[in-house]
């Protein structure tokens, strides 16, 4: 009984991680598109884009360590 609960919790948090990865990836692509469309690239805009990229790759690394298959 205890082990089935553990598996259920793992699946639940894995699903949340995948959803968070998708949202973070979309945010990163939005920031990248905004930077590409801008005439002058401000340091703040570049910093926001790099932060979004770093967040996505951190979550990607976490998913790989958890051996999550992303569909």
PDB file of N, CA and C in Angstrom:
ATOM      1  N   UNK A   1       0.820  -1.187   0.000  1.00  0.00           N
ATOM      2  CA  UNK A   1       0.000   0.000   0.000  1.00  0.00           C
ATOM      3  C   UNK A   1       0.869   1.259   0.000  1.00  0.00           C
ATOM      4  N   UNK A   2       1.919   1.242   0.777  1.00  0.00           N
ATOM      5  CA  UNK A   2       2.808   2.397   0.852  1.00  0.00           C
ATOM      6  C   UNK A   2       3.514   2.627  -0.477  1.00  0.00           C
ATOM      7  N   UNK A   3       3.895   1.549  -1.145  1.00  0.00           N
ATOM      8  CA  UNK A   3       4.626   1.692  -2.403  1.00  0.00           C
ATOM      9  C   UNK A   3       3.737   2.191  -3.533  1.00  0.00           C
ATOM     10  N   UNK A   4       2.477   1.818  -3.526  1.00  0.00           N
ATOM     11  CA  UNK A   4       1.578   2.318  -4.572  1.00  0.00           C
ATOM     12  C   UNK A   4       1.363   3.814  -4.421  1.00  0.00           C
ATOM     13  N   UNK A   5       1.342   4.294  -3.192  1.00  0.00           N
ATOM     14  CA  UNK A   5       1.186   5.737  -2.954  1.00  0.00           C
ATOM     15  C   UNK A   5       2.420   6.474  -3.465  1.00  0.00           C
ATOM     16  N   UNK A   6       3.579   5.896  -3.232  1.00  0.00           N
ATOM     17  CA  UNK A   6       4.821   6.517  -3.684  1.00  0.00           C
ATOM     18  C   UNK A   6       4.838   6.634  -5.204  1.00  0.00           C
ATOM     19  N   UNK A   7       4.407   5.588  -5.892  1.00  0.00           N
ATOM     20  CA  UNK A   7       4.356   5.612  -7.354  1.00  0.00           C
ATOM     21  C   UNK A   7       3.366   6.641  -7.871  1.00  0.00           C
ATOM     22  N   UNK A   8       2.241   6.751  -7.177  1.00  0.00           N
ATOM     23  CA  UNK A   8       1.226   7.721  -7.576  1.00  0.00           C
ATOM     24  C   UNK A   8       1.744   9.144  -7.397  1.00  0.00           C
ATOM     25  N   UNK A   9       2.432   9.400  -6.289  1.00  0.00           N
ATOM     26  CA  UNK A   9       2.998  10.728  -6.046  1.00  0.00           C
ATOM     27  C   UNK A   9       4.062  11.061  -7.081  1.00  0.00           C
ATOM     28  N   UNK A  10       4.900  10.076  -7.410  1.00  0.00           N
ATOM     29  CA  UNK A  10       5.951  10.305  -8.408  1.00  0.00           C
ATOM     30  C   UNK A  10       5.343  10.674  -9.753  1.00  0.00           C
ATOM     31  N   UNK A  11       4.317   9.929 -10.173  1.00  0.00           N
ATOM     32  CA  UNK A  11       3.646  10.229 -11.444  1.00  0.00           C
ATOM     33  C   UNK A  11       3.024  11.626 -11.420  1.00  0.00           C
ATOM     34  N   UNK A  12       2.407  11.965 -10.296  1.00  0.00           N
ATOM     35  CA  UNK A  12       1.762  13.270 -10.175  1.00  0.00           C
ATOM     36  C   UNK A  12       2.792  14.396 -10.301  1.00  0.00           C
ATOM     37  N   UNK A  13       3.914  14.273  -9.602  1.00  0.00           N
ATOM     38  CA  UNK A  13       4.923  15.316  -9.674  1.00  0.00           C
ATOM     39  C   UNK A  13       5.670  15.307 -11.002  1.00  0.00           C
ATOM     40  N   UNK A  14       5.803  14.154 -11.608  1.00  0.00           N
ATOM     41  CA  UNK A  14       6.400  14.095 -12.943  1.00  0.00           C
ATOM     42  C   UNK A  14       5.529  14.831 -13.956  1.00  0.00           C
ATOM     43  N   UNK A  15       4.220  14.656 -13.849  1.00  0.00           N
ATOM     44  CA  UNK A  15       3.299  15.352 -14.744  1.00  0.00           C
ATOM     45  C   UNK A  15       3.378  16.864 -14.537  1.00  0.00           C
ATOM     46  N   UNK A  16       3.485  17.284 -13.280  1.00  0.00           N
ATOM     47  CA  UNK A  16       3.617  18.715 -12.990  1.00  0.00           C
ATOM     48  C   UNK A  16       4.917  19.259 -13.560  1.00  0.00           C
ATOM     49  N   UNK A  17       5.986  18.476 -13.472  1.00  0.00           N
ATOM     50  CA  UNK A  17       7.282  18.903 -14.010  1.00  0.00           C
ATOM     51  C   UNK A  17       7.205  19.051 -15.524  1.00  0.00           C
ATOM     52  N   UNK A  18       6.573  18.114 -16.197  1.00  0.00           N
ATOM     53  CA  UNK A  18       6.432  18.186 -17.653  1.00  0.00           C
ATOM     54  C   UNK A  18       5.618  19.416 -18.049  1.00  0.00           C
ATOM     55  N   UNK A  19       4.546  19.686 -17.327  1.00  0.00           N
ATOM     56  CA  UNK A  19       3.723  20.864 -17.615  1.00  0.00           C
ATOM     57  C   UNK A  19       4.522  22.148 -17.390  1.00  0.00           C
ATOM     58  N   UNK A  20       5.287  22.184 -16.308  1.00  0.00           N
ATOM     59  CA  UNK A  20       6.124  23.345 -16.034  1.00  0.00           C
ATOM     60  C   UNK A  20       7.185  23.524 -17.119  1.00  0.00           C
ATOM     61  N   UNK A  21       7.738  22.426 -17.602  1.00  0.00           N
ATOM     62  CA  UNK A  21       8.727  22.492 -18.686  1.00  0.00           C
ATOM     63  C   UNK A  21       8.104  23.081 -19.946  1.00  0.00           C
ATOM     64  N   UNK A  22       6.899  22.664 -20.274  1.00  0.00           N
ATOM     65  CA  UNK A  22       6.232  23.182 -21.468  1.00  0.00           C
ATOM     66  C   UNK A  22       5.985  24.683 -21.340  1.00  0.00           C
ATOM     67  N   UNK A  23       5.519  25.107 -20.173  1.00  0.00           N
ATOM     68  CA  UNK A  23       5.260  26.538 -19.956  1.00  0.00           C
ATOM     69  C   UNK A  23       6.556  27.341 -20.002  1.00  0.00           C
ATOM     70  N   UNK A  24       7.606  26.803 -19.409  1.00  0.00           N
ATOM     71  CA  UNK A  24       8.896  27.488 -19.395  1.00  0.00           C
ATOM     72  C   UNK A  24       9.487  27.567 -20.795  1.00  0.00           C
ATOM     73  N   UNK A  25       9.342  26.496 -21.578  1.00  0.00           N
ATOM     74  CA  UNK A  25       9.827  26.495 -22.959  1.00  0.00           C
ATOM     75  C   UNK A  25       9.089  27.553 -23.783  1.00  0.00           C
ATOM     76  N   UNK A  26       7.776  27.628 -23.605  1.00  0.00           N
ATOM     77  CA  UNK A  26       6.989  28.639 -24.324  1.00  0.00           C
ATOM     78  C   UNK A  26       7.423  30.051 -23.939  1.00  0.00           C
ATOM     79  N   UNK A  27       7.660  30.262 -22.643  1.00  0.00           N
ATOM     80  CA  UNK A  27       8.126  31.569 -22.171  1.00  0.00           C
ATOM     81  C   UNK A  27       9.482  31.904 -22.776  1.00  0.00           C
ATOM     82  N   UNK A  28      10.370  30.927 -22.807  1.00  0.00           N
ATOM     83  CA  UNK A  28      11.704  31.144 -23.377  1.00  0.00           C
ATOM     84  C   UNK A  28      11.600  31.518 -24.858  1.00  0.00           C
ATOM     85  N   UNK A  29      10.775  30.792 -25.605  1.00  0.00           N
ATOM     86  CA  UNK A  29      10.606  31.093 -27.030  1.00  0.00           C
ATOM     87  C   UNK A  29       9.969  32.467 -27.246  1.00  0.00           C
ATOM     88  N   UNK A  30       9.039  32.834 -26.369  1.00  0.00           N
ATOM     89  CA  UNK A  30       8.439  34.173 -26.464  1.00  0.00           C
ATOM     90  C   UNK A  30       9.483  35.253 -26.238  1.00  0.00           C
ATOM     91  N   UNK A  31      10.326  35.058 -25.229  1.00  0.00           N
ATOM     92  CA  UNK A  31      11.382  36.032 -24.940  1.00  0.00           C
ATOM     93  C   UNK A  31      12.383  36.106 -26.097  1.00  0.00           C
ATOM     94  N   UNK A  32      12.691  34.958 -26.662  1.00  0.00           N
ATOM     95  CA  UNK A  32      13.637  34.911 -27.783  1.00  0.00           C
ATOM     96  C   UNK A  32      13.059  35.634 -29.001  1.00  0.00           C
ATOM     97  N   UNK A  33      11.789  35.399 -29.287  1.00  0.00           N
ATOM     98  CA  UNK A  33      11.136  36.077 -30.415  1.00  0.00           C
ATOM     99  C   UNK A  33      11.081  37.577 -30.200  1.00  0.00           C
ATOM    100  N   UNK A  34      10.806  37.987 -28.971  1.00  0.00           N
ATOM    101  CA  UNK A  34      10.757  39.409 -28.666  1.00  0.00           C
ATOM    102  C   UNK A  34      12.136  40.041 -28.878  1.00  0.00           C
ATOM    103  N   UNK A  35      13.179  39.345 -28.481  1.00  0.00           N
ATOM    104  CA  UNK A  35      14.537  39.862 -28.663  1.00  0.00           C
ATOM    105  C   UNK A  35      14.892  39.917 -30.143  1.00  0.00           C
ATOM    106  N   UNK A  36      14.461  38.924 -30.895  1.00  0.00           N
ATOM    107  CA  UNK A  36      14.754  38.903 -32.336  1.00  0.00           C
ATOM    108  C   UNK A  36      14.030  40.031 -33.076  1.00  0.00           C
ATOM    109  N   UNK A  37      12.839  40.383 -32.623  1.00  0.00           N
ATOM    110  CA  UNK A  37      12.062  41.421 -33.292  1.00  0.00           C
ATOM    111  C   UNK A  37      12.478  42.840 -32.905  1.00  0.00           C
ATOM    112  N   UNK A  38      13.170  42.966 -31.780  1.00  0.00           N
ATOM    113  CA  UNK A  38      13.528  44.304 -31.323  1.00  0.00           C
ATOM    114  C   UNK A  38      14.664  44.882 -32.166  1.00  0.00           C
ATOM    115  N   UNK A  39      14.623  46.177 -32.365  1.00  0.00           N
ATOM    116  CA  UNK A  39      15.639  46.865 -33.162  1.00  0.00           C
ATOM    117  C   UNK A  39      16.929  46.985 -32.352  1.00  0.00           C
ATOM    118  N   UNK A  40      16.793  47.462 -31.128  1.00  0.00           N
ATOM    119  CA  UNK A  40      17.944  47.580 -30.233  1.00  0.00           C
ATOM    120  C   UNK A  40      17.798  46.551 -29.125  1.00  0.00           C
ATOM    121  N   UNK A  41      18.804  45.731 -28.965  1.00  0.00           N
ATOM    122  CA  UNK A  41      18.765  44.738 -27.899  1.00  0.00           C
ATOM    123  C   UNK A  41      19.287  45.367 -26.617  1.00  0.00           C
ATOM    124  N   UNK A  42      18.411  45.489 -25.657  1.00  0.00           N
ATOM    125  CA  UNK A  42      18.830  46.055 -24.375  1.00  0.00           C
ATOM    126  C   UNK A  42      19.429  44.946 -23.512  1.00  0.00           C
ATOM    127  N   UNK A  43      20.320  45.294 -22.618  1.00  0.00           N
ATOM    128  CA  UNK A  43      20.904  44.291 -21.721  1.00  0.00           C
ATOM    129  C   UNK A  43      19.844  43.610 -20.852  1.00  0.00           C
ATOM    130  N   UNK A  44      18.803  44.352 -20.493  1.00  0.00           N
ATOM    131  CA  UNK A  44      17.738  43.763 -19.682  1.00  0.00           C
ATOM    132  C   UNK A  44      16.983  42.699 -20.457  1.00  0.00           C
ATOM    133  N   UNK A  45      16.718  42.962 -21.722  1.00  0.00           N
ATOM    134  CA  UNK A  45      16.008  42.000 -22.560  1.00  0.00           C
ATOM    135  C   UNK A  45      16.839  40.735 -22.738  1.00  0.00           C
ATOM    136  N   UNK A  46      18.141  40.898 -22.939  1.00  0.00           N
ATOM    137  CA  UNK A  46      19.024  39.739 -23.065  1.00  0.00           C
ATOM    138  C   UNK A  46      19.069  38.952 -21.765  1.00  0.00           C
ATOM    139  N   UNK A  47      19.089  39.648 -20.628  1.00  0.00           N
ATOM    140  CA  UNK A  47      19.135  38.975 -19.334  1.00  0.00           C
ATOM    141  C   UNK A  47      17.868  38.155 -19.090  1.00  0.00           C
ATOM    142  N   UNK A  48      16.724  38.719 -19.453  1.00  0.00           N
ATOM    143  CA  UNK A  48      15.457  38.000 -19.276  1.00  0.00           C
ATOM    144  C   UNK A  48      15.430  36.761 -20.166  1.00  0.00           C
ATOM    145  N   UNK A  49      15.931  36.893 -21.398  1.00  0.00           N
ATOM    146  CA  UNK A  49      15.971  35.748 -22.311  1.00  0.00           C
ATOM    147  C   UNK A  49      16.895  34.658 -21.775  1.00  0.00           C
ATOM    148  N   UNK A  50      18.066  35.036 -21.290  1.00  0.00           N
ATOM    149  CA  UNK A  50      19.017  34.059 -20.756  1.00  0.00           C
ATOM    150  C   UNK A  50      18.470  33.376 -19.505  1.00  0.00           C
ATOM    151  N   UNK A  51      17.735  34.137 -18.682  1.00  0.00           N
ATOM    152  CA  UNK A  51      17.140  33.561 -17.477  1.00  0.00           C
ATOM    153  C   UNK A  51      16.079  32.528 -17.850  1.00  0.00           C
ATOM    154  N   UNK A  52      15.257  32.830 -18.827  1.00  0.00           N
ATOM    155  CA  UNK A  52      14.230  31.888 -19.278  1.00  0.00           C
ATOM    156  C   UNK A  52      14.879  30.633 -19.853  1.00  0.00           C
ATOM    157  N   UNK A  53      15.959  30.806 -20.602  1.00  0.00           N
ATOM    158  CA  UNK A  53      16.683  29.662 -21.168  1.00  0.00           C
ATOM    159  C   UNK A  53      17.280  28.806 -20.058  1.00  0.00           C
ATOM    160  N   UNK A  54      17.873  29.436 -19.069  1.00  0.00           N
ATOM    161  CA  UNK A  54      18.492  28.705 -17.958  1.00  0.00           C
ATOM    162  C   UNK A  54      17.446  27.922 -17.168  1.00  0.00           C
ATOM    163  N   UNK A  55      16.281  28.519 -16.945  1.00  0.00           N
ATOM    164  CA  UNK A  55      15.207  27.824 -16.234  1.00  0.00           C
ATOM    165  C   UNK A  55      14.777  26.581 -16.998  1.00  0.00           C
ATOM    166  N   UNK A  56      14.618  26.710 -18.316  1.00  0.00           N
ATOM    167  CA  UNK A  56      14.177  25.569 -19.122  1.00  0.00           C
ATOM    168  C   UNK A  56      15.195  24.438 -19.071  1.00  0.00           C
ATOM    169  N   UNK A  57      16.466  24.764 -19.237  1.00  0.00           N
ATOM    170  CA  UNK A  57      17.473  23.709 -19.252  1.00  0.00           C
ATOM    171  C   UNK A  57      17.691  23.090 -17.872  1.00  0.00           C
ATOM    172  N   UNK A  58      17.451  23.863 -16.814  1.00  0.00           N
ATOM    173  CA  UNK A  58      17.509  23.286 -15.470  1.00  0.00           C
ATOM    174  C   UNK A  58      16.399  22.248 -15.299  1.00  0.00           C
ATOM    175  N   UNK A  59      15.192  22.601 -15.729  1.00  0.00           N
ATOM    176  CA  UNK A  59      14.072  21.661 -15.635  1.00  0.00           C
ATOM    177  C   UNK A  59      14.303  20.444 -16.532  1.00  0.00           C
ATOM    178  N   UNK A  60      14.901  20.661 -17.689  1.00  0.00           N
ATOM    179  CA  UNK A  60      15.216  19.563 -18.606  1.00  0.00           C
ATOM    180  C   UNK A  60      16.189  18.594 -17.940  1.00  0.00           C
ATOM    181  N   UNK A  61      17.192  19.149 -17.262  1.00  0.00           N
ATOM    182  CA  UNK A  61      18.172  18.321 -16.551  1.00  0.00           C
ATOM    183  C   UNK A  61      17.492  17.517 -15.447  1.00  0.00           C
ATOM    184  N   UNK A  62      16.589  18.148 -14.716  1.00  0.00           N
ATOM    185  CA  UNK A  62      15.860  17.467 -13.650  1.00  0.00           C
ATOM    186  C   UNK A  62      15.009  16.327 -14.220  1.00  0.00           C
ATOM    187  N   UNK A  63      14.359  16.564 -15.337  1.00  0.00           N
ATOM    188  CA  UNK A  63      13.541  15.524 -15.972  1.00  0.00           C
ATOM    189  C   UNK A  63      14.409  14.356 -16.420  1.00  0.00           C
ATOM    190  N   UNK A  64      15.591  14.651 -16.918  1.00  0.00           N
ATOM    191  CA  UNK A  64      16.499  13.588 -17.358  1.00  0.00           C
ATOM    192  C   UNK A  64      16.952  12.744 -16.165  1.00  0.00           C
ATOM    193  N   UNK A  65      17.243  13.405 -15.030  1.00  0.00           N
ATOM    194  CA  UNK A  65      17.653  12.672 -13.837  1.00  0.00           C
ATOM    195  C   UNK A  65      16.525  11.796 -13.294  1.00  0.00           C
ATOM    196  N   UNK A  66      15.280  12.259 -13.438  1.00  0.00           N
ATOM    197  CA  UNK A  66      14.126  11.487 -12.995  1.00  0.00           C
ATOM    198  C   UNK A  66      13.717  10.440 -14.023  1.00  0.00           C
ATOM    199  N   UNK A  67      14.363  10.440 -15.188  1.00  0.00           N
ATOM    200  CA  UNK A  67      14.082   9.506 -16.290  1.00  0.00           C
ATOM    201  C   UNK A  67      12.635   9.618 -16.756  1.00  0.00           C
ATOM    202  N   UNK A  68      12.216  10.867 -16.966  1.00  0.00           N
ATOM    203  CA  UNK A  68      10.859  11.148 -17.439  1.00  0.00           C
ATOM    204  C   UNK A  68      10.867  11.153 -18.959  1.00  0.00           C
ATOM    205  N   UNK A  69       9.913  10.480 -19.560  1.00  0.00           N
ATOM    206  CA  UNK A  69       9.752  10.478 -20.998  1.00  0.00           C
ATOM    207  C   UNK A  69       8.760  11.582 -21.338  1.00  0.00           C
ATOM    208  N   UNK A  70       9.227  12.569 -22.110  1.00  0.00           N
ATOM    209  CA  UNK A  70       8.376  13.698 -22.478  1.00  0.00           C
ATOM    210  C   UNK A  70       7.734  13.415 -23.824  1.00  0.00           C
ATOM    211  N   UNK A  71       6.414  13.510 -23.863  1.00  0.00           N
ATOM    212  CA  UNK A  71       5.683  13.213 -25.091  1.00  0.00           C
ATOM    213  C   UNK A  71       5.279  14.461 -25.780  1.00  0.00           C
TER     214      UNK A  71
END
